């Protein structure tokens, strides 16, 4: 494999999935999108990955590590895994279609 193919594969692995909640759907009006990313990714790698995968121009990125949360079901106590969230603001002309049109 060439170096370019390895870098492209790494960029695809950085983004895990989009985060869709009530708050993140309100972000869509401001052209902001939320993604769960690999915990060791920095802002420059996240920007490269978003621009490569979706073919858009990224203006700003905010990241945060969500802490693990404790959940109790009956007598069993467990933890929800922590993850890193990236809030990506796109250029005004660009858009990502997260929902399929039926």
PDB file of N, CA and C in Angstrom:
ATOM      1  N   UNK A   1       0.833  -1.182   0.000  1.00  0.00           N
ATOM      2  CA  UNK A   1       0.000   0.000   0.000  1.00  0.00           C
ATOM      3  C   UNK A   1       0.881   1.250   0.000  1.00  0.00           C
ATOM      4  N   UNK A   2       0.394   2.262  -0.633  1.00  0.00           N
ATOM      5  CA  UNK A   2       1.135   3.510  -0.660  1.00  0.00           C
ATOM      6  C   UNK A   2       0.855   4.318   0.600  1.00  0.00           C
ATOM      7  N   UNK A   3       1.682   5.329   0.826  1.00  0.00           N
ATOM      8  CA  UNK A   3       1.507   6.183   2.005  1.00  0.00           C
ATOM      9  C   UNK A   3       0.182   6.927   1.955  1.00  0.00           C
ATOM     10  N   UNK A   4      -0.237   7.358   0.731  1.00  0.00           N
ATOM     11  CA  UNK A   4      -1.508   8.077   0.578  1.00  0.00           C
ATOM     12  C   UNK A   4      -2.692   7.193   0.962  1.00  0.00           C
ATOM     13  N   UNK A   5      -2.657   5.921   0.575  1.00  0.00           N
ATOM     14  CA  UNK A   5      -3.746   5.007   0.900  1.00  0.00           C
ATOM     15  C   UNK A   5      -3.816   4.751   2.404  1.00  0.00           C
ATOM     16  N   UNK A   6      -2.654   4.667   3.061  1.00  0.00           N
ATOM     17  CA  UNK A   6      -2.637   4.459   4.505  1.00  0.00           C
ATOM     18  C   UNK A   6      -3.213   5.682   5.214  1.00  0.00           C
ATOM     19  N   UNK A   7      -2.829   6.891   4.770  1.00  0.00           N
ATOM     20  CA  UNK A   7      -3.354   8.107   5.392  1.00  0.00           C
ATOM     21  C   UNK A   7      -4.862   8.220   5.205  1.00  0.00           C
ATOM     22  N   UNK A   8      -5.360   7.872   4.004  1.00  0.00           N
ATOM     23  CA  UNK A   8      -6.792   7.926   3.748  1.00  0.00           C
ATOM     24  C   UNK A   8      -7.544   6.949   4.645  1.00  0.00           C
ATOM     25  N   UNK A   9      -6.985   5.775   4.868  1.00  0.00           N
ATOM     26  CA  UNK A   9      -7.614   4.783   5.740  1.00  0.00           C
ATOM     27  C   UNK A   9      -7.654   5.288   7.184  1.00  0.00           C
ATOM     28  N   UNK A  10      -6.582   5.941   7.624  1.00  0.00           N
ATOM     29  CA  UNK A  10      -6.556   6.505   8.974  1.00  0.00           C
ATOM     30  C   UNK A  10      -7.605   7.595   9.130  1.00  0.00           C
ATOM     31  N   UNK A  11      -7.784   8.413   8.084  1.00  0.00           N
ATOM     32  CA  UNK A  11      -8.775   9.477   8.138  1.00  0.00           C
ATOM     33  C   UNK A  11     -10.190   8.910   8.237  1.00  0.00           C
ATOM     34  N   UNK A  12     -10.444   7.810   7.549  1.00  0.00           N
ATOM     35  CA  UNK A  12     -11.766   7.183   7.622  1.00  0.00           C
ATOM     36  C   UNK A  12     -12.036   6.592   9.004  1.00  0.00           C
ATOM     37  N   UNK A  13     -10.986   6.146   9.691  1.00  0.00           N
ATOM     38  CA  UNK A  13     -11.162   5.517  10.997  1.00  0.00           C
ATOM     39  C   UNK A  13     -11.349   6.530  12.126  1.00  0.00           C
ATOM     40  N   UNK A  14     -11.030   7.805  11.888  1.00  0.00           N
ATOM     41  CA  UNK A  14     -11.130   8.813  12.954  1.00  0.00           C
ATOM     42  C   UNK A  14     -12.584   9.060  13.341  1.00  0.00           C
ATOM     43  N   UNK A  15     -13.472   9.178  12.343  1.00  0.00           N
ATOM     44  CA  UNK A  15     -14.877   9.474  12.621  1.00  0.00           C
ATOM     45  C   UNK A  15     -15.616   8.171  12.902  1.00  0.00           C
ATOM     46  N   UNK A  16     -16.266   8.092  14.072  1.00  0.00           N
ATOM     47  CA  UNK A  16     -17.012   6.879  14.414  1.00  0.00           C
ATOM     48  C   UNK A  16     -18.447   6.948  13.902  1.00  0.00           C
ATOM     49  N   UNK A  17     -19.212   7.943  14.375  1.00  0.00           N
ATOM     50  CA  UNK A  17     -20.620   8.072  13.985  1.00  0.00           C
ATOM     51  C   UNK A  17     -21.099   9.474  14.320  1.00  0.00           C
ATOM     52  N   UNK A  18     -22.158   9.936  13.644  1.00  0.00           N
ATOM     53  CA  UNK A  18     -22.732  11.240  14.015  1.00  0.00           C
ATOM     54  C   UNK A  18     -23.572  11.105  15.278  1.00  0.00           C
ATOM     55  N   UNK A  19     -23.570  12.151  16.087  1.00  0.00           N
ATOM     56  CA  UNK A  19     -24.366  12.178  17.316  1.00  0.00           C
ATOM     57  C   UNK A  19     -25.642  12.952  17.013  1.00  0.00           C
ATOM     58  N   UNK A  20     -26.788  12.284  17.161  1.00  0.00           N
ATOM     59  CA  UNK A  20     -28.067  12.910  16.847  1.00  0.00           C
ATOM     60  C   UNK A  20     -28.926  12.936  18.101  1.00  0.00           C
ATOM     61  N   UNK A  21     -29.060  14.128  18.676  1.00  0.00           N
ATOM     62  CA  UNK A  21     -29.902  14.354  19.843  1.00  0.00           C
ATOM     63  C   UNK A  21     -30.725  15.609  19.577  1.00  0.00           C
ATOM     64  N   UNK A  22     -31.543  15.991  20.534  1.00  0.00           N
ATOM     65  CA  UNK A  22     -32.334  17.216  20.376  1.00  0.00           C
ATOM     66  C   UNK A  22     -31.432  18.437  20.230  1.00  0.00           C
ATOM     67  N   UNK A  23     -30.395  18.494  21.051  1.00  0.00           N
ATOM     68  CA  UNK A  23     -29.500  19.645  21.016  1.00  0.00           C
ATOM     69  C   UNK A  23     -28.699  19.694  19.709  1.00  0.00           C
ATOM     70  N   UNK A  24     -28.240  18.557  19.235  1.00  0.00           N
ATOM     71  CA  UNK A  24     -27.439  18.565  18.008  1.00  0.00           C
ATOM     72  C   UNK A  24     -28.287  18.851  16.772  1.00  0.00           C
ATOM     73  N   UNK A  25     -29.566  18.496  16.802  1.00  0.00           N
ATOM     74  CA  UNK A  25     -30.417  18.863  15.668  1.00  0.00           C
ATOM     75  C   UNK A  25     -30.676  20.368  15.647  1.00  0.00           C
ATOM     76  N   UNK A  26     -30.636  21.028  16.792  1.00  0.00           N
ATOM     77  CA  UNK A  26     -30.714  22.492  16.809  1.00  0.00           C
ATOM     78  C   UNK A  26     -29.435  23.107  16.246  1.00  0.00           C
ATOM     79  N   UNK A  27     -28.301  22.430  16.442  1.00  0.00           N
ATOM     80  CA  UNK A  27     -27.036  22.907  15.874  1.00  0.00           C
ATOM     81  C   UNK A  27     -27.065  22.924  14.346  1.00  0.00           C
ATOM     82  N   UNK A  28     -27.878  22.061  13.740  1.00  0.00           N
ATOM     83  CA  UNK A  28     -27.926  21.982  12.278  1.00  0.00           C
ATOM     84  C   UNK A  28     -28.357  23.303  11.655  1.00  0.00           C
ATOM     85  N   UNK A  29     -29.173  24.089  12.379  1.00  0.00           N
ATOM     86  CA  UNK A  29     -29.602  25.385  11.870  1.00  0.00           C
ATOM     87  C   UNK A  29     -28.426  26.352  11.754  1.00  0.00           C
ATOM     88  N   UNK A  30     -27.428  26.194  12.620  1.00  0.00           N
ATOM     89  CA  UNK A  30     -26.234  27.042  12.589  1.00  0.00           C
ATOM     90  C   UNK A  30     -25.117  26.427  11.747  1.00  0.00           C
ATOM     91  N   UNK A  31     -25.437  25.366  11.016  1.00  0.00           N
ATOM     92  CA  UNK A  31     -24.476  24.654  10.164  1.00  0.00           C
ATOM     93  C   UNK A  31     -23.357  24.021  10.998  1.00  0.00           C
ATOM     94  N   UNK A  32     -23.733  23.468  12.166  1.00  0.00           N
ATOM     95  CA  UNK A  32     -22.803  22.759  13.029  1.00  0.00           C
ATOM     96  C   UNK A  32     -23.239  21.295  13.119  1.00  0.00           C
ATOM     97  N   UNK A  33     -22.269  20.405  13.122  1.00  0.00           N
ATOM     98  CA  UNK A  33     -22.538  18.973  13.159  1.00  0.00           C
ATOM     99  C   UNK A  33     -21.703  18.337  14.264  1.00  0.00           C
ATOM    100  N   UNK A  34     -22.252  17.324  14.932  1.00  0.00           N
ATOM    101  CA  UNK A  34     -21.565  16.653  16.030  1.00  0.00           C
ATOM    102  C   UNK A  34     -21.228  15.221  15.640  1.00  0.00           C
ATOM    103  N   UNK A  35     -19.997  14.823  15.929  1.00  0.00           N
ATOM    104  CA  UNK A  35     -19.529  13.487  15.613  1.00  0.00           C
ATOM    105  C   UNK A  35     -18.795  12.911  16.818  1.00  0.00           C
ATOM    106  N   UNK A  36     -18.943  11.611  17.028  1.00  0.00           N
ATOM    107  CA  UNK A  36     -18.098  10.897  17.983  1.00  0.00           C
ATOM    108  C   UNK A  36     -16.839  10.502  17.230  1.00  0.00           C
ATOM    109  N   UNK A  37     -15.694  10.797  17.825  1.00  0.00           N
ATOM    110  CA  UNK A  37     -14.423  10.538  17.154  1.00  0.00           C
ATOM    111  C   UNK A  37     -13.533   9.695  18.053  1.00  0.00           C
ATOM    112  N   UNK A  38     -12.444   9.215  17.505  1.00  0.00           N
ATOM    113  CA  UNK A  38     -11.470   8.439  18.253  1.00  0.00           C
ATOM    114  C   UNK A  38     -10.872   9.324  19.338  1.00  0.00           C
ATOM    115  N   UNK A  39     -10.647   8.771  20.522  1.00  0.00           N
ATOM    116  CA  UNK A  39     -10.257   9.587  21.671  1.00  0.00           C
ATOM    117  C   UNK A  39      -8.867  10.208  21.539  1.00  0.00           C
ATOM    118  N   UNK A  40      -7.994   9.662  20.700  1.00  0.00           N
ATOM    119  CA  UNK A  40      -6.654  10.234  20.579  1.00  0.00           C
ATOM    120  C   UNK A  40      -6.524  11.174  19.375  1.00  0.00           C
ATOM    121  N   UNK A  41      -7.622  11.507  18.724  1.00  0.00           N
ATOM    122  CA  UNK A  41      -7.573  12.402  17.565  1.00  0.00           C
ATOM    123  C   UNK A  41      -7.509  13.847  18.023  1.00  0.00           C
ATOM    124  N   UNK A  42      -6.695  14.649  17.328  1.00  0.00           N
ATOM    125  CA  UNK A  42      -6.642  16.069  17.637  1.00  0.00           C
ATOM    126  C   UNK A  42      -7.464  16.842  16.603  1.00  0.00           C
ATOM    127  N   UNK A  43      -7.543  18.168  16.771  1.00  0.00           N
ATOM    128  CA  UNK A  43      -8.424  18.969  15.928  1.00  0.00           C
ATOM    129  C   UNK A  43      -7.986  18.974  14.468  1.00  0.00           C
ATOM    130  N   UNK A  44      -6.690  18.970  14.209  1.00  0.00           N
ATOM    131  CA  UNK A  44      -6.225  18.998  12.821  1.00  0.00           C
ATOM    132  C   UNK A  44      -6.565  17.699  12.094  1.00  0.00           C
ATOM    133  N   UNK A  45      -6.419  16.571  12.795  1.00  0.00           N
ATOM    134  CA  UNK A  45      -6.777  15.289  12.167  1.00  0.00           C
ATOM    135  C   UNK A  45      -8.284  15.187  11.946  1.00  0.00           C
ATOM    136  N   UNK A  46      -9.069  15.693  12.893  1.00  0.00           N
ATOM    137  CA  UNK A  46     -10.521  15.663  12.740  1.00  0.00           C
ATOM    138  C   UNK A  46     -10.930  16.526  11.548  1.00  0.00           C
ATOM    139  N   UNK A  47     -10.312  17.689  11.410  1.00  0.00           N
ATOM    140  CA  UNK A  47     -10.615  18.576  10.280  1.00  0.00           C
ATOM    141  C   UNK A  47     -10.273  17.903   8.960  1.00  0.00           C
ATOM    142  N   UNK A  48      -9.107  17.274   8.872  1.00  0.00           N
ATOM    143  CA  UNK A  48      -8.716  16.574   7.652  1.00  0.00           C
ATOM    144  C   UNK A  48      -9.690  15.451   7.336  1.00  0.00           C
ATOM    145  N   UNK A  49     -10.126  14.716   8.355  1.00  0.00           N
ATOM    146  CA  UNK A  49     -11.037  13.593   8.151  1.00  0.00           C
ATOM    147  C   UNK A  49     -12.402  14.063   7.654  1.00  0.00           C
ATOM    148  N   UNK A  50     -12.953  15.116   8.261  1.00  0.00           N
ATOM    149  CA  UNK A  50     -14.265  15.636   7.851  1.00  0.00           C
ATOM    150  C   UNK A  50     -14.200  16.160   6.423  1.00  0.00           C
ATOM    151  N   UNK A  51     -13.140  16.894   6.109  1.00  0.00           N
ATOM    152  CA  UNK A  51     -13.010  17.448   4.757  1.00  0.00           C
ATOM    153  C   UNK A  51     -12.803  16.348   3.721  1.00  0.00           C
ATOM    154  N   UNK A  52     -12.098  15.274   4.094  1.00  0.00           N
ATOM    155  CA  UNK A  52     -11.864  14.181   3.147  1.00  0.00           C
ATOM    156  C   UNK A  52     -13.135  13.352   2.927  1.00  0.00           C
ATOM    157  N   UNK A  53     -13.832  13.026   3.997  1.00  0.00           N
ATOM    158  CA  UNK A  53     -14.989  12.125   3.893  1.00  0.00           C
ATOM    159  C   UNK A  53     -16.187  12.821   3.245  1.00  0.00           C
ATOM    160  N   UNK A  54     -16.478  14.051   3.677  1.00  0.00           N
ATOM    161  CA  UNK A  54     -17.702  14.717   3.236  1.00  0.00           C
ATOM    162  C   UNK A  54     -17.485  15.768   2.149  1.00  0.00           C
ATOM    163  N   UNK A  55     -16.225  16.048   1.786  1.00  0.00           N
ATOM    164  CA  UNK A  55     -15.906  17.037   0.733  1.00  0.00           C
ATOM    165  C   UNK A  55     -16.490  18.409   1.049  1.00  0.00           C
ATOM    166  N   UNK A  56     -16.250  18.896   2.264  1.00  0.00           N
ATOM    167  CA  UNK A  56     -16.739  20.193   2.713  1.00  0.00           C
ATOM    168  C   UNK A  56     -15.571  20.996   3.280  1.00  0.00           C
ATOM    169  N   UNK A  57     -15.813  22.288   3.542  1.00  0.00           N
ATOM    170  CA  UNK A  57     -14.787  23.154   4.140  1.00  0.00           C
ATOM    171  C   UNK A  57     -15.151  23.417   5.595  1.00  0.00           C
ATOM    172  N   UNK A  58     -14.245  23.077   6.497  1.00  0.00           N
ATOM    173  CA  UNK A  58     -14.464  23.231   7.931  1.00  0.00           C
ATOM    174  C   UNK A  58     -13.905  24.579   8.377  1.00  0.00           C
ATOM    175  N   UNK A  59     -14.723  25.332   9.128  1.00  0.00           N
ATOM    176  CA  UNK A  59     -14.295  26.629   9.647  1.00  0.00           C
ATOM    177  C   UNK A  59     -13.745  26.489  11.060  1.00  0.00           C
ATOM    178  N   UNK A  60     -14.468  25.759  11.929  1.00  0.00           N
ATOM    179  CA  UNK A  60     -14.120  25.711  13.332  1.00  0.00           C
ATOM    180  C   UNK A  60     -14.463  24.339  13.907  1.00  0.00           C
ATOM    181  N   UNK A  61     -13.655  23.890  14.876  1.00  0.00           N
ATOM    182  CA  UNK A  61     -13.908  22.616  15.551  1.00  0.00           C
ATOM    183  C   UNK A  61     -13.776  22.815  17.054  1.00  0.00           C
ATOM    184  N   UNK A  62     -14.761  22.361  17.788  1.00  0.00           N
ATOM    185  CA  UNK A  62     -14.694  22.289  19.256  1.00  0.00           C
ATOM    186  C   UNK A  62     -14.735  20.816  19.645  1.00  0.00           C
ATOM    187  N   UNK A  63     -13.896  20.416  20.580  1.00  0.00           N
ATOM    188  CA  UNK A  63     -13.874  19.024  21.025  1.00  0.00           C
ATOM    189  C   UNK A  63     -14.073  18.960  22.529  1.00  0.00           C
ATOM    190  N   UNK A  64     -14.610  17.835  22.985  1.00  0.00           N
ATOM    191  CA  UNK A  64     -14.740  17.596  24.419  1.00  0.00           C
ATOM    192  C   UNK A  64     -14.770  16.104  24.670  1.00  0.00           C
ATOM    193  N   UNK A  65     -14.223  15.737  25.820  1.00  0.00           N
ATOM    194  CA  UNK A  65     -14.256  14.340  26.257  1.00  0.00           C
ATOM    195  C   UNK A  65     -15.403  14.184  27.239  1.00  0.00           C
ATOM    196  N   UNK A  66     -16.369  13.346  26.889  1.00  0.00           N
ATOM    197  CA  UNK A  66     -17.485  13.128  27.800  1.00  0.00           C
ATOM    198  C   UNK A  66     -17.046  12.141  28.882  1.00  0.00           C
ATOM    199  N   UNK A  67     -17.358  12.422  30.143  1.00  0.00           N
ATOM    200  CA  UNK A  67     -16.951  11.516  31.209  1.00  0.00           C
ATOM    201  C   UNK A  67     -17.814  10.259  31.199  1.00  0.00           C
ATOM    202  N   UNK A  68     -17.293   9.146  31.735  1.00  0.00           N
ATOM    203  CA  UNK A  68     -18.129   7.940  31.826  1.00  0.00           C
ATOM    204  C   UNK A  68     -19.251   8.157  32.834  1.00  0.00           C
ATOM    205  N   UNK A  69     -20.446   7.700  32.488  1.00  0.00           N
ATOM    206  CA  UNK A  69     -21.606   7.892  33.360  1.00  0.00           C
ATOM    207  C   UNK A  69     -21.999   6.559  33.991  1.00  0.00           C
ATOM    208  N   UNK A  70     -22.416   6.623  35.238  1.00  0.00           N
ATOM    209  CA  UNK A  70     -22.844   5.428  35.948  1.00  0.00           C
ATOM    210  C   UNK A  70     -24.335   5.211  35.717  1.00  0.00           C
ATOM    211  N   UNK A  71     -24.712   4.008  35.369  1.00  0.00           N
ATOM    212  CA  UNK A  71     -26.110   3.644  35.166  1.00  0.00           C
ATOM    213  C   UNK A  71     -26.441   2.458  36.065  1.00  0.00           C
ATOM    214  N   UNK A  72     -27.665   2.483  36.617  1.00  0.00           N
ATOM    215  CA  UNK A  72     -28.114   1.416  37.496  1.00  0.00           C
ATOM    216  C   UNK A  72     -29.383   0.808  36.926  1.00  0.00           C
ATOM    217  N   UNK A  73     -29.372  -0.499  36.738  1.00  0.00           N
ATOM    218  CA  UNK A  73     -30.543  -1.232  36.285  1.00  0.00           C
ATOM    219  C   UNK A  73     -30.806  -2.319  37.318  1.00  0.00           C
ATOM    220  N   UNK A  74     -31.833  -2.107  38.132  1.00  0.00           N
ATOM    221  CA  UNK A  74     -32.107  -3.050  39.211  1.00  0.00           C
ATOM    222  C   UNK A  74     -30.996  -2.996  40.236  1.00  0.00           C
ATOM    223  N   UNK A  75     -30.417  -4.146  40.528  1.00  0.00           N
ATOM    224  CA  UNK A  75     -29.315  -4.172  41.493  1.00  0.00           C
ATOM    225  C   UNK A  75     -27.952  -4.093  40.821  1.00  0.00           C
ATOM    226  N   UNK A  76     -27.925  -4.025  39.484  1.00  0.00           N
ATOM    227  CA  UNK A  76     -26.669  -4.008  38.753  1.00  0.00           C
ATOM    228  C   UNK A  76     -26.241  -2.575  38.445  1.00  0.00           C
ATOM    229  N   UNK A  77     -25.000  -2.287  38.714  1.00  0.00           N
ATOM    230  CA  UNK A  77     -24.445  -0.959  38.439  1.00  0.00           C
ATOM    231  C   UNK A  77     -23.350  -1.112  37.390  1.00  0.00           C
ATOM    232  N   UNK A  78     -23.412  -0.263  36.377  1.00  0.00           N
ATOM    233  CA  UNK A  78     -22.402  -0.298  35.331  1.00  0.00           C
ATOM    234  C   UNK A  78     -22.061   1.099  34.877  1.00  0.00           C
ATOM    235  N   UNK A  79     -21.158   1.192  33.939  1.00  0.00           N
ATOM    236  CA  UNK A  79     -20.757   2.498  33.427  1.00  0.00           C
ATOM    237  C   UNK A  79     -20.967   2.544  31.920  1.00  0.00           C
ATOM    238  N   UNK A  80     -21.410   3.719  31.445  1.00  0.00           N
ATOM    239  CA  UNK A  80     -21.489   3.965  30.008  1.00  0.00           C
ATOM    240  C   UNK A  80     -20.125   4.481  29.585  1.00  0.00           C
ATOM    241  N   UNK A  81     -19.611   3.949  28.517  1.00  0.00           N
ATOM    242  CA  UNK A  81     -18.279   4.261  28.061  1.00  0.00           C
ATOM    243  C   UNK A  81     -18.146   5.744  27.708  1.00  0.00           C
ATOM    244  N   UNK A  82     -16.989   6.314  27.996  1.00  0.00           N
ATOM    245  CA  UNK A  82     -16.772   7.704  27.612  1.00  0.00           C
ATOM    246  C   UNK A  82     -16.295   7.770  26.168  1.00  0.00           C
ATOM    247  N   UNK A  83     -16.505   8.910  25.526  1.00  0.00           N
ATOM    248  CA  UNK A  83     -16.095   9.092  24.144  1.00  0.00           C
ATOM    249  C   UNK A  83     -15.744  10.548  23.928  1.00  0.00           C
ATOM    250  N   UNK A  84     -15.088  10.834  22.817  1.00  0.00           N
ATOM    251  CA  UNK A  84     -14.726  12.203  22.473  1.00  0.00           C
ATOM    252  C   UNK A  84     -15.711  12.710  21.442  1.00  0.00           C
ATOM    253  N   UNK A  85     -16.233  13.912  21.687  1.00  0.00           N
ATOM    254  CA  UNK A  85     -17.200  14.510  20.783  1.00  0.00           C
ATOM    255  C   UNK A  85     -16.550  15.691  20.081  1.00  0.00           C
ATOM    256  N   UNK A  86     -16.808  15.810  18.772  1.00  0.00           N
ATOM    257  CA  UNK A  86     -16.318  16.943  17.993  1.00  0.00           C
ATOM    258  C   UNK A  86     -17.512  17.697  17.425  1.00  0.00           C
ATOM    259  N   UNK A  87     -17.589  18.993  17.695  1.00  0.00           N
ATOM    260  CA  UNK A  87     -18.618  19.857  17.126  1.00  0.00           C
ATOM    261  C   UNK A  87     -17.961  20.638  16.002  1.00  0.00           C
ATOM    262  N   UNK A  88     -18.405  20.387  14.776  1.00  0.00           N
ATOM    263  CA  UNK A  88     -17.758  20.917  13.579  1.00  0.00           C
ATOM    264  C   UNK A  88     -18.648  21.978  12.955  1.00  0.00           C
ATOM    265  N   UNK A  89     -18.103  23.167  12.748  1.00  0.00           N
ATOM    266  CA  UNK A  89     -18.828  24.236  12.062  1.00  0.00           C
ATOM    267  C   UNK A  89     -18.324  24.308  10.624  1.00  0.00           C
ATOM    268  N   UNK A  90     -19.266  24.270   9.685  1.00  0.00           N
ATOM    269  CA  UNK A  90     -18.912  24.271   8.270  1.00  0.00           C
ATOM    270  C   UNK A  90     -19.080  25.652   7.650  1.00  0.00           C
ATOM    271  N   UNK A  91     -18.499  25.809   6.463  1.00  0.00           N
ATOM    272  CA  UNK A  91     -18.672  27.024   5.688  1.00  0.00           C
ATOM    273  C   UNK A  91     -20.150  27.162   5.316  1.00  0.00           C
ATOM    274  N   UNK A  92     -20.592  28.391   5.077  1.00  0.00           N
ATOM    275  CA  UNK A  92     -22.025  28.631   4.844  1.00  0.00           C
ATOM    276  C   UNK A  92     -22.532  27.968   3.565  1.00  0.00           C
ATOM    277  N   UNK A  93     -21.662  27.708   2.586  1.00  0.00           N
ATOM    278  CA  UNK A  93     -22.116  27.067   1.345  1.00  0.00           C
ATOM    279  C   UNK A  93     -22.173  25.546   1.452  1.00  0.00           C
ATOM    280  N   UNK A  94     -21.490  24.969   2.434  1.00  0.00           N
ATOM    281  CA  UNK A  94     -21.400  23.517   2.540  1.00  0.00           C
ATOM    282  C   UNK A  94     -22.470  22.962   3.475  1.00  0.00           C
ATOM    283  N   UNK A  95     -22.807  21.693   3.248  1.00  0.00           N
ATOM    284  CA  UNK A  95     -23.821  21.020   4.046  1.00  0.00           C
ATOM    285  C   UNK A  95     -23.541  19.525   4.039  1.00  0.00           C
ATOM    286  N   UNK A  96     -23.836  18.855   5.151  1.00  0.00           N
ATOM    287  CA  UNK A  96     -23.728  17.401   5.250  1.00  0.00           C
ATOM    288  C   UNK A  96     -25.140  16.853   5.418  1.00  0.00           C
ATOM    289  N   UNK A  97     -25.515  15.874   4.608  1.00  0.00           N
ATOM    290  CA  UNK A  97     -26.833  15.284   4.689  1.00  0.00           C
ATOM    291  C   UNK A  97     -26.770  14.054   5.588  1.00  0.00           C
ATOM    292  N   UNK A  98     -27.193  14.201   6.843  1.00  0.00           N
ATOM    293  CA  UNK A  98     -27.165  13.097   7.803  1.00  0.00           C
ATOM    294  C   UNK A  98     -28.396  12.200   7.681  1.00  0.00           C
ATOM    295  N   UNK A  99     -29.491  12.740   7.181  1.00  0.00           N
ATOM    296  CA  UNK A  99     -30.737  11.996   7.090  1.00  0.00           C
ATOM    297  C   UNK A  99     -31.023  11.679   5.632  1.00  0.00           C
ATOM    298  N   UNK A 100     -31.382  10.423   5.341  1.00  0.00           N
ATOM    299  CA  UNK A 100     -31.723  10.050   3.976  1.00  0.00           C
ATOM    300  C   UNK A 100     -33.096  10.561   3.625  1.00  0.00           C
ATOM    301  N   UNK A 101     -33.237  11.056   2.395  1.00  0.00           N
ATOM    302  CA  UNK A 101     -34.544  11.488   1.916  1.00  0.00           C
ATOM    303  C   UNK A 101     -35.271  10.296   1.339  1.00  0.00           C
ATOM    304  N   UNK A 102     -36.487  10.060   1.794  1.00  0.00           N
ATOM    305  CA  UNK A 102     -37.270   8.916   1.294  1.00  0.00           C
ATOM    306  C   UNK A 102     -38.206   9.347   0.209  1.00  0.00           C
TER     307      UNK A 102
END
